[in-house]
């Protein structure tokens, strides 16, 4: 079994390979802060997938995902536990936990609402067009040591800013790989996979000198996004108290569909 796991981890044909009730991460999940730990995006996407698979009495759509990143997520097989906190025909709340062995490393609380079919009045939706055409912009130069999720897992194209340019940033993001091998990612899973990039796209501090890690992530969805390419227009607000906030407006080709917010733990590199 260990040989099989090592084989999976070294491959980059998907972010995760299913192994019974476990999910084995590949090197394409690796994050920029610690080469032995995963980026928040892949594990957020994996938990979003788990939430969507929980049965409901009527068709439901995910409208909010609130994540707590409790510990670094290791490059080892992971398990997921789900729990329905509230079930109903209009709203439902589902919790899911990501486990590395017996240790909970990440959790999410998800709000689901019934799927409607409403004829809304004209002009009630704000005009907030996408930042250019999907997939346009300058291909990102990786930050950190390169590789992993920023390069193998995703393609990032900057419309404004860049990893080498401190300040607000706008970029289109597309998954290069399936989240789980053999599966097409759902719109919500794609949104979760992209939303954790906000603090990186809009970093105002140099990574070689500073940490600006997000211990949480909240994603609000007014509707499910469409297409492979999703855009983030991101801004970071640091404070001298050692905390901060990264906020992102989320777009697809039709316009804005949601937002994501990350609390930031800011400190000097040691």
Protein backbone atom coordinates (compact mmCIF):
# COMPACT_ATOMS: atom_id res chain seq x y z
CA UNK A 1 0.00 0.00 0.00
CA UNK A 2 2.77 2.49 0.83
CA UNK A 3 4.28 1.96 -2.62
CA UNK A 4 0.92 2.72 -4.21
CA UNK A 5 0.50 5.88 -2.14
CA UNK A 6 4.01 7.07 -3.04
CA UNK A 7 3.24 6.42 -6.72
CA UNK A 8 0.05 8.48 -6.51
CA UNK A 9 1.73 11.35 -4.65
CA UNK A 10 4.41 11.69 -7.32
CA UNK A 11 1.88 11.83 -10.18
CA UNK A 12 0.19 14.99 -11.44
CA UNK A 13 -2.80 13.66 -13.40
CA UNK A 14 -5.22 14.92 -10.74
CA UNK A 15 -5.08 16.72 -7.41
CA UNK A 16 -6.30 13.61 -5.56
CA UNK A 17 -6.67 9.92 -6.29
CA UNK A 18 -9.43 7.99 -4.50
CA UNK A 19 -8.25 5.02 -2.47
CA UNK A 20 -11.31 3.39 -0.95
CA UNK A 21 -12.74 5.98 1.45
CA UNK A 22 -9.50 7.97 1.45
CA UNK A 23 -8.07 10.58 -0.92
CA UNK A 24 -4.37 10.53 -1.79
CA UNK A 25 -2.91 13.96 -2.71
CA UNK A 26 -0.41 14.42 -5.53
CA UNK A 27 2.46 16.91 -5.75
CA UNK A 28 0.09 19.22 -7.67
CA UNK A 29 -1.59 20.10 -4.33
CA UNK A 30 1.62 21.50 -2.79
CA UNK A 31 1.50 25.05 -1.39
CA UNK A 32 4.08 27.87 -1.42
CA UNK A 33 4.69 28.17 2.33
CA UNK A 34 5.74 24.61 3.11
CA UNK A 35 6.73 22.07 0.45
CA UNK A 36 5.52 19.27 2.75
CA UNK A 37 2.00 20.74 3.03
CA UNK A 38 -0.87 21.42 0.68
CA UNK A 39 -2.17 24.71 -0.68
CA UNK A 40 -5.56 25.65 0.78
CA UNK A 41 -7.28 25.55 -2.63
CA UNK A 42 -7.18 21.78 -3.29
CA UNK A 43 -8.41 20.82 0.18
CA UNK A 44 -11.11 23.51 0.03
CA UNK A 45 -12.26 22.06 -3.29
CA UNK A 46 -12.23 18.51 -1.88
CA UNK A 47 -14.43 19.54 1.06
CA UNK A 48 -16.80 21.46 -1.25
CA UNK A 49 -17.18 18.27 -3.28
CA UNK A 50 -18.05 16.36 -0.09
CA UNK A 51 -20.69 18.92 0.91
CA UNK A 52 -22.37 18.72 -2.49
CA UNK A 53 -22.61 14.95 -2.24
CA UNK A 54 -24.65 15.05 0.99
CA UNK A 55 -28.27 14.14 0.23
CA UNK A 56 -31.02 16.72 0.64
CA UNK A 57 -34.85 16.47 0.59
CA UNK A 58 -35.02 18.81 -2.43
CA UNK A 59 -32.44 20.07 -4.98
CA UNK A 60 -30.01 22.36 -3.14
CA UNK A 61 -27.31 24.84 -4.13
CA UNK A 62 -24.31 25.83 -2.02
CA UNK A 63 -24.42 29.56 -1.18
CA UNK A 64 -21.73 29.80 1.52
CA UNK A 65 -18.58 27.90 2.47
CA UNK A 66 -16.77 28.86 5.68
CA UNK A 67 -13.45 27.07 6.18
CA UNK A 68 -11.16 26.84 9.20
CA UNK A 69 -7.63 25.80 8.26
CA UNK A 70 -6.74 24.20 11.57
CA UNK A 71 -3.31 22.79 10.73
CA UNK A 72 -1.07 22.41 7.66
CA UNK A 73 -2.64 19.73 5.45
CA UNK A 74 0.05 17.08 4.89
CA UNK A 75 0.78 15.20 1.67
CA UNK A 76 -0.66 12.00 3.13
CA UNK A 77 -3.94 10.11 2.60
CA UNK A 78 -6.97 12.03 3.86
CA UNK A 79 -10.44 11.09 5.05
CA UNK A 80 -13.63 13.17 5.15
CA UNK A 81 -16.46 13.13 7.70
CA UNK A 82 -19.75 14.95 7.02
CA UNK A 83 -22.56 15.95 9.37
CA UNK A 84 -25.93 17.58 8.63
CA UNK A 85 -26.55 20.24 11.29
CA UNK A 86 -29.82 21.45 9.86
CA UNK A 87 -32.02 19.95 7.19
CA UNK A 88 -35.08 21.51 5.62
CA UNK A 89 -36.79 22.16 2.33
CA UNK A 90 -35.50 25.75 2.07
CA UNK A 91 -32.12 25.74 3.80
CA UNK A 92 -29.65 23.17 5.05
CA UNK A 93 -26.35 23.43 6.94
CA UNK A 94 -23.69 20.79 6.43
CA UNK A 95 -20.34 20.45 8.19
CA UNK A 96 -17.42 18.48 6.76
CA UNK A 97 -14.02 17.72 8.30
CA UNK A 98 -10.78 16.73 6.62
CA UNK A 99 -8.74 14.23 8.62
CA UNK A 100 -5.10 13.18 8.35
CA UNK A 101 -5.14 10.00 10.39
CA UNK A 102 -6.99 10.91 13.59
CA UNK A 103 -6.13 14.62 13.32
CA UNK A 104 -8.65 17.14 11.97
CA UNK A 105 -6.68 19.49 9.72
CA UNK A 106 -9.47 21.48 8.04
CA UNK A 107 -13.22 21.91 8.33
CA UNK A 108 -16.02 23.66 6.48
CA UNK A 109 -19.53 24.80 7.37
CA UNK A 110 -21.73 25.08 4.30
CA UNK A 111 -25.07 26.81 3.78
CA UNK A 112 -27.26 25.21 1.13
CA UNK A 113 -30.49 26.74 -0.21
CA UNK A 114 -33.23 25.20 -2.29
CA UNK A 115 -32.92 25.70 -6.05
CA UNK A 116 -35.62 28.05 -7.33
CA UNK A 117 -36.89 29.09 -10.76
CA UNK A 118 -37.83 32.76 -10.42
CA UNK A 119 -38.71 35.39 -13.00
CA UNK A 120 -36.93 38.40 -11.49
CA UNK A 121 -37.75 41.97 -12.57
CA UNK A 122 -35.40 43.51 -15.11
CA UNK A 123 -32.60 45.72 -13.82
CA UNK A 124 -32.33 44.33 -10.29
CA UNK A 125 -28.93 42.74 -10.86
CA UNK A 126 -26.02 45.23 -10.61
CA UNK A 127 -23.93 45.64 -13.74
CA UNK A 128 -20.54 44.24 -12.67
CA UNK A 129 -18.88 42.83 -15.79
CA UNK A 130 -15.90 40.47 -15.74
CA UNK A 131 -12.36 41.89 -15.97
CA UNK A 132 -11.81 41.17 -19.67
CA UNK A 133 -12.18 37.89 -21.51
CA UNK A 134 -11.75 34.57 -19.66
CA UNK A 135 -8.22 33.25 -19.81
CA UNK A 136 -6.69 36.52 -20.97
CA UNK A 137 -3.81 38.35 -19.33
CA UNK A 138 -0.18 37.65 -18.53
CA UNK A 139 0.73 34.13 -17.42
CA UNK A 140 1.71 34.32 -13.77
CA UNK A 141 5.29 33.95 -12.66
CA UNK A 142 5.20 31.59 -9.71
CA UNK A 143 5.89 32.87 -6.22
CA UNK A 144 7.62 30.78 -3.60
CA UNK A 145 9.70 27.88 -4.91
CA UNK A 146 7.47 27.24 -7.91
CA UNK A 147 5.70 24.04 -8.88
CA UNK A 148 2.83 22.55 -6.91
CA UNK A 149 -0.68 23.94 -7.06
CA UNK A 150 0.29 27.38 -8.40
CA UNK A 151 1.81 25.84 -11.55
CA UNK A 152 0.79 22.20 -11.99
CA UNK A 153 -2.66 22.42 -10.43
CA UNK A 154 -3.80 25.77 -11.85
CA UNK A 155 -3.15 28.21 -14.66
CA UNK A 156 -3.15 31.85 -13.49
CA UNK A 157 -3.28 34.83 -15.86
CA UNK A 158 -2.98 38.34 -14.41
CA UNK A 159 -5.10 41.17 -15.83
CA UNK A 160 -3.82 43.64 -13.23
CA UNK A 161 -0.89 43.34 -10.81
CA UNK A 162 1.15 40.17 -10.43
CA UNK A 163 3.08 38.08 -7.93
CA UNK A 164 6.11 40.31 -8.52
CA UNK A 165 4.07 43.53 -8.13
CA UNK A 166 2.87 44.24 -4.56
CA UNK A 167 -0.66 45.55 -4.29
CA UNK A 168 -4.17 44.71 -5.55
CA UNK A 169 -4.34 42.05 -8.24
CA UNK A 170 -6.87 40.73 -10.74
CA UNK A 171 -6.39 37.36 -12.40
CA UNK A 172 -8.20 34.59 -14.24
CA UNK A 173 -7.69 31.13 -12.74
CA UNK A 174 -8.36 27.72 -14.30
CA UNK A 175 -7.86 24.23 -12.91
CA UNK A 176 -5.38 22.31 -15.05
CA UNK A 177 -6.30 18.99 -13.42
CA UNK A 178 -9.40 17.26 -12.05
CA UNK A 179 -9.77 17.65 -8.29
CA UNK A 180 -10.52 13.93 -7.97
CA UNK A 181 -9.20 11.63 -10.69
CA UNK A 182 -11.85 10.65 -13.23
CA UNK A 183 -14.34 13.38 -12.22
CA UNK A 184 -15.31 16.68 -13.81
CA UNK A 185 -15.23 19.40 -11.10
CA UNK A 186 -18.59 21.01 -10.38
CA UNK A 187 -19.00 24.81 -10.60
CA UNK A 188 -18.92 25.10 -6.80
CA UNK A 189 -15.79 22.95 -6.57
CA UNK A 190 -14.10 25.19 -9.18
CA UNK A 191 -15.04 28.27 -7.14
CA UNK A 192 -13.62 26.75 -3.95
CA UNK A 193 -10.42 25.76 -5.78
CA UNK A 194 -9.87 29.38 -6.92
CA UNK A 195 -11.08 31.40 -3.92
CA UNK A 196 -8.04 30.74 -1.71
CA UNK A 197 -5.73 32.62 -4.11
CA UNK A 198 -6.86 36.09 -2.94
CA UNK A 199 -4.03 36.81 -0.50
CA UNK A 200 -1.44 35.68 -3.03
CA UNK A 201 -2.87 37.68 -5.93
CA UNK A 202 -2.98 40.88 -3.84
CA UNK A 203 0.04 40.50 -1.59
CA UNK A 204 1.51 43.78 -0.37
CA UNK A 205 4.45 42.21 1.50
CA UNK A 206 7.39 40.34 0.03
CA UNK A 207 7.14 36.62 0.61
CA UNK A 208 10.86 36.26 1.29
CA UNK A 209 10.52 38.59 4.28
CA UNK A 210 6.93 38.11 5.48
CA UNK A 211 4.26 35.53 6.19
CA UNK A 212 0.65 36.38 5.32
CA UNK A 213 -1.07 33.05 5.84
CA UNK A 214 -4.85 32.72 5.93
CA UNK A 215 -6.16 30.48 8.76
CA UNK A 216 -9.68 30.76 7.35
CA UNK A 217 -11.62 31.30 4.12
CA UNK A 218 -15.25 32.23 3.50
CA UNK A 219 -16.85 32.02 0.06
CA UNK A 220 -20.30 33.45 -0.73
CA UNK A 221 -22.02 32.45 -3.97
CA UNK A 222 -24.99 34.36 -5.40
CA UNK A 223 -25.16 31.72 -8.11
CA UNK A 224 -23.02 28.84 -9.35
CA UNK A 225 -20.29 30.04 -11.73
CA UNK A 226 -20.10 28.86 -15.34
CA UNK A 227 -17.08 27.70 -17.31
CA UNK A 228 -13.54 26.64 -16.46
CA UNK A 229 -12.08 30.15 -16.08
CA UNK A 230 -12.90 32.18 -12.97
CA UNK A 231 -11.54 35.62 -12.09
CA UNK A 232 -10.61 37.19 -8.75
CA UNK A 233 -10.27 40.93 -8.17
CA UNK A 234 -8.37 40.92 -4.87
CA UNK A 235 -7.22 43.46 -2.29
CA UNK A 236 -5.19 42.90 0.91
CA UNK A 237 -5.61 45.08 4.02
CA UNK A 238 -2.70 44.51 6.46
CA UNK A 239 -2.38 45.91 9.98
CA UNK A 240 0.58 46.48 12.29
CA UNK A 241 -1.20 44.34 14.92
CA UNK A 242 -0.13 41.24 12.99
CA UNK A 243 -3.48 40.53 11.35
CA UNK A 244 -5.07 41.47 8.06
CA UNK A 245 -7.77 40.77 5.53
CA UNK A 246 -7.80 39.73 1.88
CA UNK A 247 -11.05 40.29 0.00
CA UNK A 248 -11.86 39.09 -3.52
CA UNK A 249 -14.72 39.71 -5.92
CA UNK A 250 -15.39 36.53 -7.95
CA UNK A 251 -16.34 36.55 -11.64
CA UNK A 252 -17.06 34.25 -14.54
CA UNK A 253 -17.60 35.22 -18.19
CA UNK A 254 -21.09 36.58 -17.39
CA UNK A 255 -20.05 38.84 -14.52
CA UNK A 256 -19.79 38.72 -10.77
CA UNK A 257 -21.13 35.65 -9.00
CA UNK A 258 -19.68 35.89 -5.47
CA UNK A 259 -16.97 36.97 -3.07
CA UNK A 260 -14.33 35.42 -0.84
CA UNK A 261 -12.69 36.73 2.33
CA UNK A 262 -9.59 35.51 4.16
CA UNK A 263 -8.31 36.51 7.60
CA UNK A 264 -4.54 36.88 7.49
CA UNK A 265 -1.91 36.00 10.06
CA UNK A 266 0.95 38.40 9.34
CA UNK A 267 4.47 37.97 10.71
CA UNK A 268 8.10 38.24 9.72
CA UNK A 269 9.76 35.20 8.16
CA UNK A 270 12.03 33.42 10.63
